[in-house]
ModelCIF file with pLDDT and N, C-alpha, C, O atoms, coordinates in Angstrom:
data_MODEL
#
_entry.id   MODEL 
#
_entity.id                         1 
_entity.type                       polymer 
_entity.pdbx_number_of_molecules   1 
#
_entity_poly.entity_id                      1 
_entity_poly.type                           'polypeptide(L)' 
_entity_poly.nstd_linkage                   no 
_entity_poly.nstd_monomer                   no 
_entity_poly.pdbx_seq_one_letter_code       LYRLITPFGELNAGLAGRFAFTAGEAEHPVAGDWVAAAAR 
_entity_poly.pdbx_seq_one_letter_code_can   LYRLITPFGELNAGLAGRFAFTAGEAEHPVAGDWVAAAAR 
_entity_poly.pdbx_strand_id                 A 
#
loop_
_entity_poly_seq.entity_id 
_entity_poly_seq.num 
_entity_poly_seq.mon_id 
_entity_poly_seq.hetero 
1 1  LEU n 
1 2  TYR n 
1 3  ARG n 
1 4  LEU n 
1 5  ILE n 
1 6  THR n 
1 7  PRO n 
1 8  PHE n 
1 9  GLY n 
1 10 GLU n 
1 11 LEU n 
1 12 ASN n 
1 13 ALA n 
1 14 GLY n 
1 15 LEU n 
1 16 ALA n 
1 17 GLY n 
1 18 ARG n 
1 19 PHE n 
1 20 ALA n 
1 21 PHE n 
1 22 THR n 
1 23 ALA n 
1 24 GLY n 
1 25 GLU n 
1 26 ALA n 
1 27 GLU n 
1 28 HIS n 
1 29 PRO n 
1 30 VAL n 
1 31 ALA n 
1 32 GLY n 
1 33 ASP n 
1 34 TRP n 
1 35 VAL n 
1 36 ALA n 
1 37 ALA n 
1 38 ALA n 
1 39 ALA n 
1 40 ARG n 
#
_struct_asym.id          A 
_struct_asym.entity_id   1 
#
loop_
_ma_qa_metric.id 
_ma_qa_metric.mode 
_ma_qa_metric.name 
_ma_qa_metric.software_group_id 
_ma_qa_metric.type 
1 global pLDDT . pLDDT 
2 local  pLDDT . pLDDT 
#
_ma_qa_metric_global.metric_id      1 
_ma_qa_metric_global.metric_value   93.80 
_ma_qa_metric_global.model_id       1 
_ma_qa_metric_global.ordinal_id     1 
#
loop_
_ma_qa_metric_local.label_asym_id 
_ma_qa_metric_local.label_comp_id 
_ma_qa_metric_local.label_seq_id 
_ma_qa_metric_local.metric_id 
_ma_qa_metric_local.metric_value 
_ma_qa_metric_local.model_id 
_ma_qa_metric_local.ordinal_id 
A LEU 1  2 90.00 1 1  
A TYR 2  2 96.00 1 2  
A ARG 3  2 96.00 1 3  
A LEU 4  2 97.00 1 4  
A ILE 5  2 97.00 1 5  
A THR 6  2 97.00 1 6  
A PRO 7  2 96.00 1 7  
A PHE 8  2 96.00 1 8  
A GLY 9  2 95.00 1 9  
A GLU 10 2 96.00 1 10 
A LEU 11 2 97.00 1 11 
A ASN 12 2 97.00 1 12 
A ALA 13 2 97.00 1 13 
A GLY 14 2 96.00 1 14 
A LEU 15 2 95.00 1 15 
A ALA 16 2 95.00 1 16 
A GLY 17 2 93.00 1 17 
A ARG 18 2 93.00 1 18 
A PHE 19 2 93.00 1 19 
A ALA 20 2 90.00 1 20 
A PHE 21 2 90.00 1 21 
A THR 22 2 91.00 1 22 
A ALA 23 2 87.00 1 23 
A GLY 24 2 83.00 1 24 
A GLU 25 2 78.00 1 25 
A ALA 26 2 84.00 1 26 
A GLU 27 2 88.00 1 27 
A HIS 28 2 92.00 1 28 
A PRO 29 2 94.00 1 29 
A VAL 30 2 94.00 1 30 
A ALA 31 2 94.00 1 31 
A GLY 32 2 96.00 1 32 
A ASP 33 2 97.00 1 33 
A TRP 34 2 98.00 1 34 
A VAL 35 2 97.00 1 35 
A ALA 36 2 98.00 1 36 
A ALA 37 2 97.00 1 37 
A ALA 38 2 98.00 1 38 
A ALA 39 2 97.00 1 39 
A ARG 40 2 97.00 1 40 
#
loop_
_atom_site.group_PDB 
_atom_site.id 
_atom_site.type_symbol 
_atom_site.label_atom_id 
_atom_site.label_alt_id 
_atom_site.label_comp_id 
_atom_site.label_asym_id 
_atom_site.label_entity_id 
_atom_site.label_seq_id 
_atom_site.pdbx_PDB_ins_code 
_atom_site.Cartn_x 
_atom_site.Cartn_y 
_atom_site.Cartn_z 
_atom_site.occupancy 
_atom_site.B_iso_or_equiv 
_atom_site.pdbx_formal_charge 
_atom_site.auth_seq_id 
_atom_site.auth_comp_id 
_atom_site.auth_asym_id 
_atom_site.auth_atom_id 
_atom_site.pdbx_PDB_model_num 
ATOM 1   N N  . LEU A 1 1  ? -79.380 -58.984 -162.237 1.00 90.00 ? 1  LEU A N  1 
ATOM 2   C CA . LEU A 1 1  ? -79.426 -59.163 -163.230 1.00 90.00 ? 1  LEU A CA 1 
ATOM 3   C C  . LEU A 1 1  ? -80.489 -60.205 -163.402 1.00 90.00 ? 1  LEU A C  1 
ATOM 4   O O  . LEU A 1 1  ? -80.499 -61.149 -162.612 1.00 90.00 ? 1  LEU A O  1 
ATOM 5   N N  . TYR A 1 2  ? -81.511 -60.119 -164.490 1.00 96.00 ? 2  TYR A N  1 
ATOM 6   C CA . TYR A 1 2  ? -83.299 -60.969 -164.241 1.00 96.00 ? 2  TYR A CA 1 
ATOM 7   C C  . TYR A 1 2  ? -82.983 -61.368 -165.488 1.00 96.00 ? 2  TYR A C  1 
ATOM 8   O O  . TYR A 1 2  ? -82.255 -60.835 -166.325 1.00 96.00 ? 2  TYR A O  1 
ATOM 9   N N  . ARG A 1 3  ? -83.937 -62.879 -165.538 1.00 96.00 ? 3  ARG A N  1 
ATOM 10  C CA . ARG A 1 3  ? -84.210 -63.144 -166.919 1.00 96.00 ? 3  ARG A CA 1 
ATOM 11  C C  . ARG A 1 3  ? -85.828 -63.326 -166.929 1.00 96.00 ? 3  ARG A C  1 
ATOM 12  O O  . ARG A 1 3  ? -86.280 -63.686 -165.842 1.00 96.00 ? 3  ARG A O  1 
ATOM 13  N N  . LEU A 1 4  ? -86.782 -63.138 -167.982 1.00 97.00 ? 4  LEU A N  1 
ATOM 14  C CA . LEU A 1 4  ? -88.120 -63.092 -167.913 1.00 97.00 ? 4  LEU A CA 1 
ATOM 15  C C  . LEU A 1 4  ? -88.893 -63.892 -168.595 1.00 97.00 ? 4  LEU A C  1 
ATOM 16  O O  . LEU A 1 4  ? -88.742 -63.872 -169.817 1.00 97.00 ? 4  LEU A O  1 
ATOM 17  N N  . ILE A 1 5  ? -89.811 -64.707 -168.078 1.00 97.00 ? 5  ILE A N  1 
ATOM 18  C CA . ILE A 1 5  ? -90.834 -64.782 -169.084 1.00 97.00 ? 5  ILE A CA 1 
ATOM 19  C C  . ILE A 1 5  ? -92.333 -63.778 -169.208 1.00 97.00 ? 5  ILE A C  1 
ATOM 20  O O  . ILE A 1 5  ? -93.173 -63.416 -168.384 1.00 97.00 ? 5  ILE A O  1 
ATOM 21  N N  . THR A 1 6  ? -92.122 -63.546 -170.853 1.00 97.00 ? 6  THR A N  1 
ATOM 22  C CA . THR A 1 6  ? -93.430 -62.453 -170.749 1.00 97.00 ? 6  THR A CA 1 
ATOM 23  C C  . THR A 1 6  ? -94.450 -62.879 -172.225 1.00 97.00 ? 6  THR A C  1 
ATOM 24  O O  . THR A 1 6  ? -94.234 -63.684 -173.130 1.00 97.00 ? 6  THR A O  1 
ATOM 25  N N  . PRO A 1 7  ? -95.248 -62.232 -172.047 1.00 96.00 ? 7  PRO A N  1 
ATOM 26  C CA . PRO A 1 7  ? -95.976 -62.401 -173.559 1.00 96.00 ? 7  PRO A CA 1 
ATOM 27  C C  . PRO A 1 7  ? -95.137 -62.467 -175.016 1.00 96.00 ? 7  PRO A C  1 
ATOM 28  O O  . PRO A 1 7  ? -95.543 -62.843 -176.116 1.00 96.00 ? 7  PRO A O  1 
ATOM 29  N N  . PHE A 1 8  ? -93.947 -62.012 -174.654 1.00 96.00 ? 8  PHE A N  1 
ATOM 30  C CA . PHE A 1 8  ? -92.776 -61.747 -175.707 1.00 96.00 ? 8  PHE A CA 1 
ATOM 31  C C  . PHE A 1 8  ? -91.932 -63.023 -175.819 1.00 96.00 ? 8  PHE A C  1 
ATOM 32  O O  . PHE A 1 8  ? -91.348 -63.100 -176.899 1.00 96.00 ? 8  PHE A O  1 
ATOM 33  N N  . GLY A 1 9  ? -91.732 -63.982 -175.027 1.00 95.00 ? 9  GLY A N  1 
ATOM 34  C CA . GLY A 1 9  ? -90.900 -64.702 -174.509 1.00 95.00 ? 9  GLY A CA 1 
ATOM 35  C C  . GLY A 1 9  ? -90.043 -64.261 -173.564 1.00 95.00 ? 9  GLY A C  1 
ATOM 36  O O  . GLY A 1 9  ? -90.308 -63.256 -172.904 1.00 95.00 ? 9  GLY A O  1 
ATOM 37  N N  . GLU A 1 10 ? -88.841 -65.011 -173.381 1.00 96.00 ? 10 GLU A N  1 
ATOM 38  C CA . GLU A 1 10 ? -87.839 -64.674 -172.735 1.00 96.00 ? 10 GLU A CA 1 
ATOM 39  C C  . GLU A 1 10 ? -87.132 -63.512 -172.684 1.00 96.00 ? 10 GLU A C  1 
ATOM 40  O O  . GLU A 1 10 ? -86.416 -63.389 -173.677 1.00 96.00 ? 10 GLU A O  1 
ATOM 41  N N  . LEU A 1 11 ? -87.068 -62.742 -172.022 1.00 97.00 ? 11 LEU A N  1 
ATOM 42  C CA . LEU A 1 11 ? -86.150 -61.454 -171.869 1.00 97.00 ? 11 LEU A CA 1 
ATOM 43  C C  . LEU A 1 11 ? -85.129 -61.275 -171.081 1.00 97.00 ? 11 LEU A C  1 
ATOM 44  O O  . LEU A 1 11 ? -85.423 -61.520 -169.911 1.00 97.00 ? 11 LEU A O  1 
ATOM 45  N N  . ASN A 1 12 ? -83.926 -60.912 -171.258 1.00 97.00 ? 12 ASN A N  1 
ATOM 46  C CA . ASN A 1 12 ? -83.149 -60.160 -170.260 1.00 97.00 ? 12 ASN A CA 1 
ATOM 47  C C  . ASN A 1 12 ? -83.864 -58.413 -169.692 1.00 97.00 ? 12 ASN A C  1 
ATOM 48  O O  . ASN A 1 12 ? -84.273 -57.436 -170.321 1.00 97.00 ? 12 ASN A O  1 
ATOM 49  N N  . ALA A 1 13 ? -83.692 -58.789 -167.954 1.00 97.00 ? 13 ALA A N  1 
ATOM 50  C CA . ALA A 1 13 ? -83.781 -57.442 -167.519 1.00 97.00 ? 13 ALA A CA 1 
ATOM 51  C C  . ALA A 1 13 ? -83.316 -56.662 -166.720 1.00 97.00 ? 13 ALA A C  1 
ATOM 52  O O  . ALA A 1 13 ? -82.506 -57.313 -166.061 1.00 97.00 ? 13 ALA A O  1 
ATOM 53  N N  . GLY A 1 14 ? -83.339 -55.485 -166.319 1.00 96.00 ? 14 GLY A N  1 
ATOM 54  C CA . GLY A 1 14 ? -82.839 -55.052 -165.474 1.00 96.00 ? 14 GLY A CA 1 
ATOM 55  C C  . GLY A 1 14 ? -83.908 -54.081 -164.680 1.00 96.00 ? 14 GLY A C  1 
ATOM 56  O O  . GLY A 1 14 ? -85.046 -53.887 -165.107 1.00 96.00 ? 14 GLY A O  1 
ATOM 57  N N  . LEU A 1 15 ? -83.353 -53.450 -163.372 1.00 95.00 ? 15 LEU A N  1 
ATOM 58  C CA . LEU A 1 15 ? -84.025 -52.726 -163.026 1.00 95.00 ? 15 LEU A CA 1 
ATOM 59  C C  . LEU A 1 15 ? -84.578 -51.113 -163.617 1.00 95.00 ? 15 LEU A C  1 
ATOM 60  O O  . LEU A 1 15 ? -83.717 -50.498 -164.246 1.00 95.00 ? 15 LEU A O  1 
ATOM 61  N N  . ALA A 1 16 ? -85.638 -50.572 -163.485 1.00 95.00 ? 16 ALA A N  1 
ATOM 62  C CA . ALA A 1 16 ? -85.286 -49.012 -163.427 1.00 95.00 ? 16 ALA A CA 1 
ATOM 63  C C  . ALA A 1 16 ? -85.135 -48.058 -162.227 1.00 95.00 ? 16 ALA A C  1 
ATOM 64  O O  . ALA A 1 16 ? -85.820 -48.012 -161.206 1.00 95.00 ? 16 ALA A O  1 
ATOM 65  N N  . GLY A 1 17 ? -83.936 -47.207 -162.637 1.00 93.00 ? 17 GLY A N  1 
ATOM 66  C CA . GLY A 1 17 ? -83.507 -46.710 -161.399 1.00 93.00 ? 17 GLY A CA 1 
ATOM 67  C C  . GLY A 1 17 ? -84.296 -46.088 -160.593 1.00 93.00 ? 17 GLY A C  1 
ATOM 68  O O  . GLY A 1 17 ? -83.864 -45.888 -159.457 1.00 93.00 ? 17 GLY A O  1 
ATOM 69  N N  . ARG A 1 18 ? -85.592 -45.633 -160.919 1.00 93.00 ? 18 ARG A N  1 
ATOM 70  C CA . ARG A 1 18 ? -86.639 -45.446 -159.637 1.00 93.00 ? 18 ARG A CA 1 
ATOM 71  C C  . ARG A 1 18 ? -86.818 -46.376 -158.694 1.00 93.00 ? 18 ARG A C  1 
ATOM 72  O O  . ARG A 1 18 ? -86.590 -46.299 -157.486 1.00 93.00 ? 18 ARG A O  1 
ATOM 73  N N  . PHE A 1 19 ? -87.214 -47.205 -159.290 1.00 93.00 ? 19 PHE A N  1 
ATOM 74  C CA . PHE A 1 19 ? -87.613 -48.665 -158.586 1.00 93.00 ? 19 PHE A CA 1 
ATOM 75  C C  . PHE A 1 19 ? -86.292 -49.130 -158.010 1.00 93.00 ? 19 PHE A C  1 
ATOM 76  O O  . PHE A 1 19 ? -86.481 -49.909 -157.075 1.00 93.00 ? 19 PHE A O  1 
ATOM 77  N N  . ALA A 1 20 ? -85.314 -48.955 -158.209 1.00 90.00 ? 20 ALA A N  1 
ATOM 78  C CA . ALA A 1 20 ? -83.959 -49.647 -158.133 1.00 90.00 ? 20 ALA A CA 1 
ATOM 79  C C  . ALA A 1 20 ? -83.804 -49.132 -156.353 1.00 90.00 ? 20 ALA A C  1 
ATOM 80  O O  . ALA A 1 20 ? -83.671 -49.801 -155.328 1.00 90.00 ? 20 ALA A O  1 
ATOM 81  N N  . PHE A 1 21 ? -83.939 -46.926 -156.715 1.00 90.00 ? 21 PHE A N  1 
ATOM 82  C CA . PHE A 1 21 ? -83.403 -46.395 -155.577 1.00 90.00 ? 21 PHE A CA 1 
ATOM 83  C C  . PHE A 1 21 ? -84.836 -46.226 -154.298 1.00 90.00 ? 21 PHE A C  1 
ATOM 84  O O  . PHE A 1 21 ? -84.754 -46.132 -153.073 1.00 90.00 ? 21 PHE A O  1 
ATOM 85  N N  . THR A 1 22 ? -85.680 -46.236 -154.915 1.00 91.00 ? 22 THR A N  1 
ATOM 86  C CA . THR A 1 22 ? -87.150 -46.296 -153.735 1.00 91.00 ? 22 THR A CA 1 
ATOM 87  C C  . THR A 1 22 ? -87.187 -47.593 -152.779 1.00 91.00 ? 22 THR A C  1 
ATOM 88  O O  . THR A 1 22 ? -87.118 -47.643 -151.551 1.00 91.00 ? 22 THR A O  1 
ATOM 89  N N  . ALA A 1 23 ? -87.312 -48.581 -153.684 1.00 87.00 ? 23 ALA A N  1 
ATOM 90  C CA . ALA A 1 23 ? -87.841 -50.088 -152.911 1.00 87.00 ? 23 ALA A CA 1 
ATOM 91  C C  . ALA A 1 23 ? -86.634 -50.557 -151.914 1.00 87.00 ? 23 ALA A C  1 
ATOM 92  O O  . ALA A 1 23 ? -85.416 -50.428 -152.034 1.00 87.00 ? 23 ALA A O  1 
ATOM 93  N N  . GLY A 1 24 ? -87.178 -50.963 -151.209 1.00 83.00 ? 24 GLY A N  1 
ATOM 94  C CA . GLY A 1 24 ? -86.188 -51.468 -150.157 1.00 83.00 ? 24 GLY A CA 1 
ATOM 95  C C  . GLY A 1 24 ? -85.416 -52.565 -150.455 1.00 83.00 ? 24 GLY A C  1 
ATOM 96  O O  . GLY A 1 24 ? -85.707 -53.135 -151.506 1.00 83.00 ? 24 GLY A O  1 
ATOM 97  N N  . GLU A 1 25 ? -84.366 -53.080 -149.703 1.00 78.00 ? 25 GLU A N  1 
ATOM 98  C CA . GLU A 1 25 ? -83.740 -54.401 -150.586 1.00 78.00 ? 25 GLU A CA 1 
ATOM 99  C C  . GLU A 1 25 ? -84.652 -56.084 -150.390 1.00 78.00 ? 25 GLU A C  1 
ATOM 100 O O  . GLU A 1 25 ? -84.512 -57.086 -151.092 1.00 78.00 ? 25 GLU A O  1 
ATOM 101 N N  . ALA A 1 26 ? -85.431 -55.914 -149.364 1.00 84.00 ? 26 ALA A N  1 
ATOM 102 C CA . ALA A 1 26 ? -86.710 -57.134 -149.438 1.00 84.00 ? 26 ALA A CA 1 
ATOM 103 C C  . ALA A 1 26 ? -88.233 -56.768 -150.131 1.00 84.00 ? 26 ALA A C  1 
ATOM 104 O O  . ALA A 1 26 ? -89.336 -57.101 -149.698 1.00 84.00 ? 26 ALA A O  1 
ATOM 105 N N  . GLU A 1 27 ? -87.914 -55.970 -151.356 1.00 88.00 ? 27 GLU A N  1 
ATOM 106 C CA . GLU A 1 27 ? -88.943 -55.662 -152.603 1.00 88.00 ? 27 GLU A CA 1 
ATOM 107 C C  . GLU A 1 27 ? -88.314 -55.420 -154.090 1.00 88.00 ? 27 GLU A C  1 
ATOM 108 O O  . GLU A 1 27 ? -88.910 -54.872 -155.018 1.00 88.00 ? 27 GLU A O  1 
ATOM 109 N N  . HIS A 1 28 ? -87.295 -55.821 -154.117 1.00 92.00 ? 28 HIS A N  1 
ATOM 110 C CA . HIS A 1 28 ? -86.318 -56.064 -155.215 1.00 92.00 ? 28 HIS A CA 1 
ATOM 111 C C  . HIS A 1 28 ? -86.928 -57.610 -155.729 1.00 92.00 ? 28 HIS A C  1 
ATOM 112 O O  . HIS A 1 28 ? -87.098 -58.574 -154.982 1.00 92.00 ? 28 HIS A O  1 
ATOM 113 N N  . PRO A 1 29 ? -87.141 -57.576 -156.864 1.00 94.00 ? 29 PRO A N  1 
ATOM 114 C CA . PRO A 1 29 ? -87.536 -58.912 -157.705 1.00 94.00 ? 29 PRO A CA 1 
ATOM 115 C C  . PRO A 1 29 ? -86.598 -59.724 -157.039 1.00 94.00 ? 29 PRO A C  1 
ATOM 116 O O  . PRO A 1 29 ? -85.461 -59.443 -156.660 1.00 94.00 ? 29 PRO A O  1 
ATOM 117 N N  . VAL A 1 30 ? -87.541 -61.272 -156.909 1.00 94.00 ? 30 VAL A N  1 
ATOM 118 C CA . VAL A 1 30 ? -86.254 -62.563 -156.462 1.00 94.00 ? 30 VAL A CA 1 
ATOM 119 C C  . VAL A 1 30 ? -87.366 -63.552 -157.452 1.00 94.00 ? 30 VAL A C  1 
ATOM 120 O O  . VAL A 1 30 ? -88.552 -63.420 -157.757 1.00 94.00 ? 30 VAL A O  1 
ATOM 121 N N  . ALA A 1 31 ? -86.406 -64.491 -157.730 1.00 94.00 ? 31 ALA A N  1 
ATOM 122 C CA . ALA A 1 31 ? -86.965 -65.514 -158.762 1.00 94.00 ? 31 ALA A CA 1 
ATOM 123 C C  . ALA A 1 31 ? -87.883 -65.959 -158.051 1.00 94.00 ? 31 ALA A C  1 
ATOM 124 O O  . ALA A 1 31 ? -87.853 -66.134 -156.833 1.00 94.00 ? 31 ALA A O  1 
ATOM 125 N N  . GLY A 1 32 ? -89.103 -66.247 -159.089 1.00 96.00 ? 32 GLY A N  1 
ATOM 126 C CA . GLY A 1 32 ? -90.448 -66.785 -158.535 1.00 96.00 ? 32 GLY A CA 1 
ATOM 127 C C  . GLY A 1 32 ? -91.411 -65.534 -158.248 1.00 96.00 ? 32 GLY A C  1 
ATOM 128 O O  . GLY A 1 32 ? -92.456 -65.662 -157.612 1.00 96.00 ? 32 GLY A O  1 
ATOM 129 N N  . ASP A 1 33 ? -90.951 -64.266 -158.793 1.00 97.00 ? 33 ASP A N  1 
ATOM 130 C CA . ASP A 1 33 ? -91.799 -62.972 -158.411 1.00 97.00 ? 33 ASP A CA 1 
ATOM 131 C C  . ASP A 1 33 ? -92.138 -62.451 -159.699 1.00 97.00 ? 33 ASP A C  1 
ATOM 132 O O  . ASP A 1 33 ? -91.317 -62.421 -160.616 1.00 97.00 ? 33 ASP A O  1 
ATOM 133 N N  . TRP A 1 34 ? -93.461 -61.987 -159.818 1.00 98.00 ? 34 TRP A N  1 
ATOM 134 C CA . TRP A 1 34 ? -94.319 -61.498 -160.869 1.00 98.00 ? 34 TRP A CA 1 
ATOM 135 C C  . TRP A 1 34 ? -93.946 -60.004 -161.215 1.00 98.00 ? 34 TRP A C  1 
ATOM 136 O O  . TRP A 1 34 ? -93.433 -59.427 -160.256 1.00 98.00 ? 34 TRP A O  1 
ATOM 137 N N  . VAL A 1 35 ? -94.040 -59.462 -162.023 1.00 97.00 ? 35 VAL A N  1 
ATOM 138 C CA . VAL A 1 35 ? -93.483 -57.954 -162.425 1.00 97.00 ? 35 VAL A CA 1 
ATOM 139 C C  . VAL A 1 35 ? -94.251 -57.157 -163.583 1.00 97.00 ? 35 VAL A C  1 
ATOM 140 O O  . VAL A 1 35 ? -94.825 -57.555 -164.597 1.00 97.00 ? 35 VAL A O  1 
ATOM 141 N N  . ALA A 1 36 ? -94.053 -55.941 -163.075 1.00 98.00 ? 36 ALA A N  1 
ATOM 142 C CA . ALA A 1 36 ? -94.477 -54.942 -164.651 1.00 98.00 ? 36 ALA A CA 1 
ATOM 143 C C  . ALA A 1 36 ? -93.572 -54.646 -164.973 1.00 98.00 ? 36 ALA A C  1 
ATOM 144 O O  . ALA A 1 36 ? -92.839 -54.261 -164.063 1.00 98.00 ? 36 ALA A O  1 
ATOM 145 N N  . ALA A 1 37 ? -92.976 -54.602 -166.392 1.00 97.00 ? 37 ALA A N  1 
ATOM 146 C CA . ALA A 1 37 ? -91.561 -54.001 -167.136 1.00 97.00 ? 37 ALA A CA 1 
ATOM 147 C C  . ALA A 1 37 ? -92.128 -53.912 -168.628 1.00 97.00 ? 37 ALA A C  1 
ATOM 148 O O  . ALA A 1 37 ? -92.981 -54.423 -169.353 1.00 97.00 ? 37 ALA A O  1 
ATOM 149 N N  . ALA A 1 38 ? -91.095 -52.921 -168.636 1.00 98.00 ? 38 ALA A N  1 
ATOM 150 C CA . ALA A 1 38 ? -91.339 -52.281 -170.275 1.00 98.00 ? 38 ALA A CA 1 
ATOM 151 C C  . ALA A 1 38 ? -90.549 -53.371 -170.951 1.00 98.00 ? 38 ALA A C  1 
ATOM 152 O O  . ALA A 1 38 ? -89.652 -54.035 -170.431 1.00 98.00 ? 38 ALA A O  1 
ATOM 153 N N  . ALA A 1 39 ? -91.078 -53.476 -172.372 1.00 97.00 ? 39 ALA A N  1 
ATOM 154 C CA . ALA A 1 39 ? -90.806 -54.750 -172.644 1.00 97.00 ? 39 ALA A CA 1 
ATOM 155 C C  . ALA A 1 39 ? -89.624 -53.886 -173.998 1.00 97.00 ? 39 ALA A C  1 
ATOM 156 O O  . ALA A 1 39 ? -89.694 -52.659 -173.927 1.00 97.00 ? 39 ALA A O  1 
ATOM 157 N N  . ARG A 1 40 ? -88.820 -54.326 -174.911 1.00 97.00 ? 40 ARG A N  1 
ATOM 158 C CA . ARG A 1 40 ? -88.102 -54.541 -175.493 1.00 97.00 ? 40 ARG A CA 1 
ATOM 159 C C  . ARG A 1 40 ? -87.459 -55.186 -176.621 1.00 97.00 ? 40 ARG A C  1 
ATOM 160 O O  . ARG A 1 40 ? -86.264 -54.989 -176.845 1.00 97.00 ? 40 ARG A O  1 
#
């Protein structure tokens, strides 16, 4: 589970299913990473 700082403030986040499936373990986000996300 993740918490992001975004242009909309802080948002709780999870991984998209396709991203979680195709990304290797070392390619999953960690604290400090920058990501592209669909915000709600």
